């Protein structure tokens, strides 16, 4: 019983250490960029050339696209909010390498979600030079 508890503690310790080093690696990799928060499970960085979205729990890059490829940044519709079960949604659309459009929806569901979504929208537009 004691050995099982010790094994669990060691595994949890190694997992925590791995997450710590992943987080530090991302901070070093994007030190010249600007971090922005989306919700408790997603944050991102703006670099000179790219937007990068990162899963908070894993500290792993889940999406990256060129700032110059953004086509549309806007608040989501009522349908988007219902579909995503979120108080507010910010919609990003960009061109992929093959020229096809790609859409990603950012959920903002914290308190003051309307204000936070508007700040996020303005930040993204400013850094992408996209005007709606």
C-alpha atoms as a PDB file:
ATOM      1  CA  UNK A   1       0.000   0.000   0.000  1.00  0.00           C
ATOM      2  CA  UNK A   2       2.807   2.377   0.887  1.00  0.00           C
ATOM      3  CA  UNK A   3       4.680   1.498  -2.295  1.00  0.00           C
ATOM      4  CA  UNK A   4       1.570   2.258  -4.403  1.00  0.00           C
ATOM      5  CA  UNK A   5       1.251   5.666  -2.749  1.00  0.00           C
ATOM      6  CA  UNK A   6       4.937   6.305  -3.365  1.00  0.00           C
ATOM      7  CA  UNK A   7       4.608   5.357  -7.043  1.00  0.00           C
ATOM      8  CA  UNK A   8       1.603   7.674  -7.427  1.00  0.00           C
ATOM      9  CA  UNK A   9       3.496  10.514  -5.758  1.00  0.00           C
ATOM     10  CA  UNK A  10       6.519  10.004  -8.025  1.00  0.00           C
ATOM     11  CA  UNK A  11       4.349   9.910 -11.167  1.00  0.00           C
ATOM     12  CA  UNK A  12       2.500  13.073 -10.134  1.00  0.00           C
ATOM     13  CA  UNK A  13       5.807  14.756  -9.352  1.00  0.00           C
ATOM     14  CA  UNK A  14       7.250  13.838 -12.747  1.00  0.00           C
ATOM     15  CA  UNK A  15       4.085  15.015 -14.505  1.00  0.00           C
ATOM     16  CA  UNK A  16       4.219  18.353 -12.644  1.00  0.00           C
ATOM     17  CA  UNK A  17       7.882  18.740 -13.517  1.00  0.00           C
ATOM     18  CA  UNK A  18       7.147  18.014 -17.175  1.00  0.00           C
ATOM     19  CA  UNK A  19       4.363  20.643 -17.230  1.00  0.00           C
ATOM     20  CA  UNK A  20       6.671  23.163 -15.535  1.00  0.00           C
ATOM     21  CA  UNK A  21       9.373  22.707 -18.185  1.00  0.00           C
ATOM     22  CA  UNK A  22       6.842  22.879 -21.023  1.00  0.00           C
ATOM     23  CA  UNK A  23       5.512  26.151 -19.619  1.00  0.00           C
ATOM     24  CA  UNK A  24       9.015  27.593 -19.227  1.00  0.00           C
ATOM     25  CA  UNK A  25       9.906  26.480 -22.751  1.00  0.00           C
ATOM     26  CA  UNK A  26       6.869  28.269 -24.192  1.00  0.00           C
ATOM     27  CA  UNK A  27       7.674  31.410 -22.203  1.00  0.00           C
ATOM     28  CA  UNK A  28      11.234  31.379 -23.546  1.00  0.00           C
ATOM     29  CA  UNK A  29      10.128  30.600 -27.104  1.00  0.00           C
ATOM     30  CA  UNK A  30       7.652  33.478 -27.157  1.00  0.00           C
ATOM     31  CA  UNK A  31       9.538  35.928 -24.949  1.00  0.00           C
ATOM     32  CA  UNK A  32       9.581  38.513 -27.739  1.00  0.00           C
ATOM     33  CA  UNK A  33       5.819  38.138 -28.276  1.00  0.00           C
ATOM     34  CA  UNK A  34       2.818  39.386 -26.334  1.00  0.00           C
ATOM     35  CA  UNK A  35       0.699  36.978 -24.304  1.00  0.00           C
ATOM     36  CA  UNK A  36      -3.096  37.276 -24.287  1.00  0.00           C
ATOM     37  CA  UNK A  37      -5.668  35.319 -22.291  1.00  0.00           C
ATOM     38  CA  UNK A  38      -8.820  33.891 -23.804  1.00  0.00           C
ATOM     39  CA  UNK A  39     -10.389  31.749 -21.072  1.00  0.00           C
ATOM     40  CA  UNK A  40      -9.200  29.438 -18.302  1.00  0.00           C
ATOM     41  CA  UNK A  41      -8.286  26.685 -20.773  1.00  0.00           C
ATOM     42  CA  UNK A  42      -6.755  28.690 -23.625  1.00  0.00           C
ATOM     43  CA  UNK A  43      -4.264  31.507 -24.022  1.00  0.00           C
ATOM     44  CA  UNK A  44      -2.103  32.751 -26.820  1.00  0.00           C
ATOM     45  CA  UNK A  45       0.872  34.746 -28.007  1.00  0.00           C
ATOM     46  CA  UNK A  46       1.248  37.290 -30.759  1.00  0.00           C
ATOM     47  CA  UNK A  47       4.701  37.261 -32.343  1.00  0.00           C
ATOM     48  CA  UNK A  48       6.028  39.405 -35.156  1.00  0.00           C
ATOM     49  CA  UNK A  49       4.598  36.996 -37.709  1.00  0.00           C
ATOM     50  CA  UNK A  50       2.099  34.627 -36.040  1.00  0.00           C
ATOM     51  CA  UNK A  51      -0.790  34.137 -33.675  1.00  0.00           C
ATOM     52  CA  UNK A  52      -0.243  31.052 -31.523  1.00  0.00           C
ATOM     53  CA  UNK A  53      -2.958  29.449 -29.353  1.00  0.00           C
ATOM     54  CA  UNK A  54      -1.961  27.251 -26.425  1.00  0.00           C
ATOM     55  CA  UNK A  55      -3.918  24.812 -24.260  1.00  0.00           C
ATOM     56  CA  UNK A  56      -3.427  25.925 -20.644  1.00  0.00           C
ATOM     57  CA  UNK A  57      -3.639  22.508 -19.033  1.00  0.00           C
ATOM     58  CA  UNK A  58      -1.066  20.928 -21.344  1.00  0.00           C
ATOM     59  CA  UNK A  59       1.000  24.015 -22.166  1.00  0.00           C
ATOM     60  CA  UNK A  60       1.099  22.806 -25.745  1.00  0.00           C
ATOM     61  CA  UNK A  61       0.617  24.743 -28.957  1.00  0.00           C
ATOM     62  CA  UNK A  62      -2.686  23.750 -30.545  1.00  0.00           C
ATOM     63  CA  UNK A  63      -2.902  26.278 -33.360  1.00  0.00           C
ATOM     64  CA  UNK A  64      -0.631  28.703 -35.167  1.00  0.00           C
ATOM     65  CA  UNK A  65      -1.308  30.918 -38.171  1.00  0.00           C
ATOM     66  CA  UNK A  66       0.273  33.936 -39.803  1.00  0.00           C
ATOM     67  CA  UNK A  67      -0.886  37.386 -38.774  1.00  0.00           C
ATOM     68  CA  UNK A  68      -1.043  38.366 -42.424  1.00  0.00           C
ATOM     69  CA  UNK A  69      -3.449  35.514 -43.223  1.00  0.00           C
ATOM     70  CA  UNK A  70      -6.297  36.704 -40.995  1.00  0.00           C
ATOM     71  CA  UNK A  71      -9.385  37.525 -43.011  1.00  0.00           C
ATOM     72  CA  UNK A  72     -12.011  38.145 -40.355  1.00  0.00           C
ATOM     73  CA  UNK A  73     -12.181  38.838 -36.625  1.00  0.00           C
ATOM     74  CA  UNK A  74     -15.605  39.460 -35.120  1.00  0.00           C
ATOM     75  CA  UNK A  75     -17.931  38.746 -32.234  1.00  0.00           C
ATOM     76  CA  UNK A  76     -19.876  35.564 -32.724  1.00  0.00           C
ATOM     77  CA  UNK A  77     -23.574  35.546 -33.516  1.00  0.00           C
ATOM     78  CA  UNK A  78     -26.341  34.403 -31.209  1.00  0.00           C
ATOM     79  CA  UNK A  79     -26.162  31.029 -32.985  1.00  0.00           C
ATOM     80  CA  UNK A  80     -22.430  30.782 -32.291  1.00  0.00           C
ATOM     81  CA  UNK A  81     -23.002  31.489 -28.598  1.00  0.00           C
ATOM     82  CA  UNK A  82     -25.740  28.848 -28.368  1.00  0.00           C
ATOM     83  CA  UNK A  83     -23.709  26.297 -30.337  1.00  0.00           C
ATOM     84  CA  UNK A  84     -20.625  26.839 -28.153  1.00  0.00           C
ATOM     85  CA  UNK A  85     -22.670  27.208 -24.920  1.00  0.00           C
ATOM     86  CA  UNK A  86     -20.651  30.301 -24.164  1.00  0.00           C
ATOM     87  CA  UNK A  87     -21.593  33.809 -23.028  1.00  0.00           C
ATOM     88  CA  UNK A  88     -19.513  35.352 -25.828  1.00  0.00           C
ATOM     89  CA  UNK A  89     -17.586  34.024 -28.820  1.00  0.00           C
ATOM     90  CA  UNK A  90     -14.829  35.677 -30.849  1.00  0.00           C
ATOM     91  CA  UNK A  91     -14.581  34.253 -34.377  1.00  0.00           C
ATOM     92  CA  UNK A  92     -11.270  34.120 -36.254  1.00  0.00           C
ATOM     93  CA  UNK A  93     -11.035  33.240 -39.922  1.00  0.00           C
ATOM     94  CA  UNK A  94      -7.783  32.930 -41.859  1.00  0.00           C
ATOM     95  CA  UNK A  95      -6.426  31.478 -45.082  1.00  0.00           C
ATOM     96  CA  UNK A  96      -4.575  28.178 -44.814  1.00  0.00           C
ATOM     97  CA  UNK A  97      -1.490  27.365 -46.910  1.00  0.00           C
ATOM     98  CA  UNK A  98      -3.720  25.840 -49.590  1.00  0.00           C
ATOM     99  CA  UNK A  99      -5.831  29.026 -49.724  1.00  0.00           C
ATOM    100  CA  UNK A 100      -8.890  27.481 -48.097  1.00  0.00           C
ATOM    101  CA  UNK A 101     -10.529  29.444 -45.279  1.00  0.00           C
ATOM    102  CA  UNK A 102     -10.333  28.110 -41.717  1.00  0.00           C
ATOM    103  CA  UNK A 103     -12.535  29.276 -38.824  1.00  0.00           C
ATOM    104  CA  UNK A 104     -11.800  28.993 -35.113  1.00  0.00           C
ATOM    105  CA  UNK A 105     -14.127  30.162 -32.345  1.00  0.00           C
ATOM    106  CA  UNK A 106     -12.778  31.436 -29.037  1.00  0.00           C
ATOM    107  CA  UNK A 107     -15.137  30.997 -26.090  1.00  0.00           C
ATOM    108  CA  UNK A 108     -15.287  33.733 -23.470  1.00  0.00           C
ATOM    109  CA  UNK A 109     -17.467  32.621 -20.589  1.00  0.00           C
ATOM    110  CA  UNK A 110     -16.022  34.286 -17.480  1.00  0.00           C
ATOM    111  CA  UNK A 111     -17.745  37.076 -15.546  1.00  0.00           C
ATOM    112  CA  UNK A 112     -17.791  40.309 -17.568  1.00  0.00           C
ATOM    113  CA  UNK A 113     -17.532  38.169 -20.697  1.00  0.00           C
ATOM    114  CA  UNK A 114     -18.893  40.907 -22.991  1.00  0.00           C
ATOM    115  CA  UNK A 115     -16.180  43.375 -21.943  1.00  0.00           C
ATOM    116  CA  UNK A 116     -13.494  40.709 -22.076  1.00  0.00           C
ATOM    117  CA  UNK A 117     -14.602  39.584 -25.546  1.00  0.00           C
ATOM    118  CA  UNK A 118     -14.535  43.179 -26.791  1.00  0.00           C
ATOM    119  CA  UNK A 119     -11.023  43.725 -25.361  1.00  0.00           C
ATOM    120  CA  UNK A 120      -9.836  40.472 -26.953  1.00  0.00           C
ATOM    121  CA  UNK A 121     -11.444  41.442 -30.264  1.00  0.00           C
ATOM    122  CA  UNK A 122      -9.764  44.861 -30.217  1.00  0.00           C
ATOM    123  CA  UNK A 123      -6.373  43.352 -29.267  1.00  0.00           C
ATOM    124  CA  UNK A 124      -6.555  40.799 -32.087  1.00  0.00           C
ATOM    125  CA  UNK A 125      -7.632  43.381 -34.646  1.00  0.00           C
ATOM    126  CA  UNK A 126      -4.882  45.749 -33.613  1.00  0.00           C
ATOM    127  CA  UNK A 127      -2.243  43.048 -33.958  1.00  0.00           C
ATOM    128  CA  UNK A 128      -3.595  41.705 -37.252  1.00  0.00           C
ATOM    129  CA  UNK A 129      -4.372  45.007 -38.927  1.00  0.00           C
ATOM    130  CA  UNK A 130      -7.813  43.644 -39.801  1.00  0.00           C
ATOM    131  CA  UNK A 131     -10.656  46.170 -39.777  1.00  0.00           C
ATOM    132  CA  UNK A 132     -14.300  45.195 -39.597  1.00  0.00           C
END
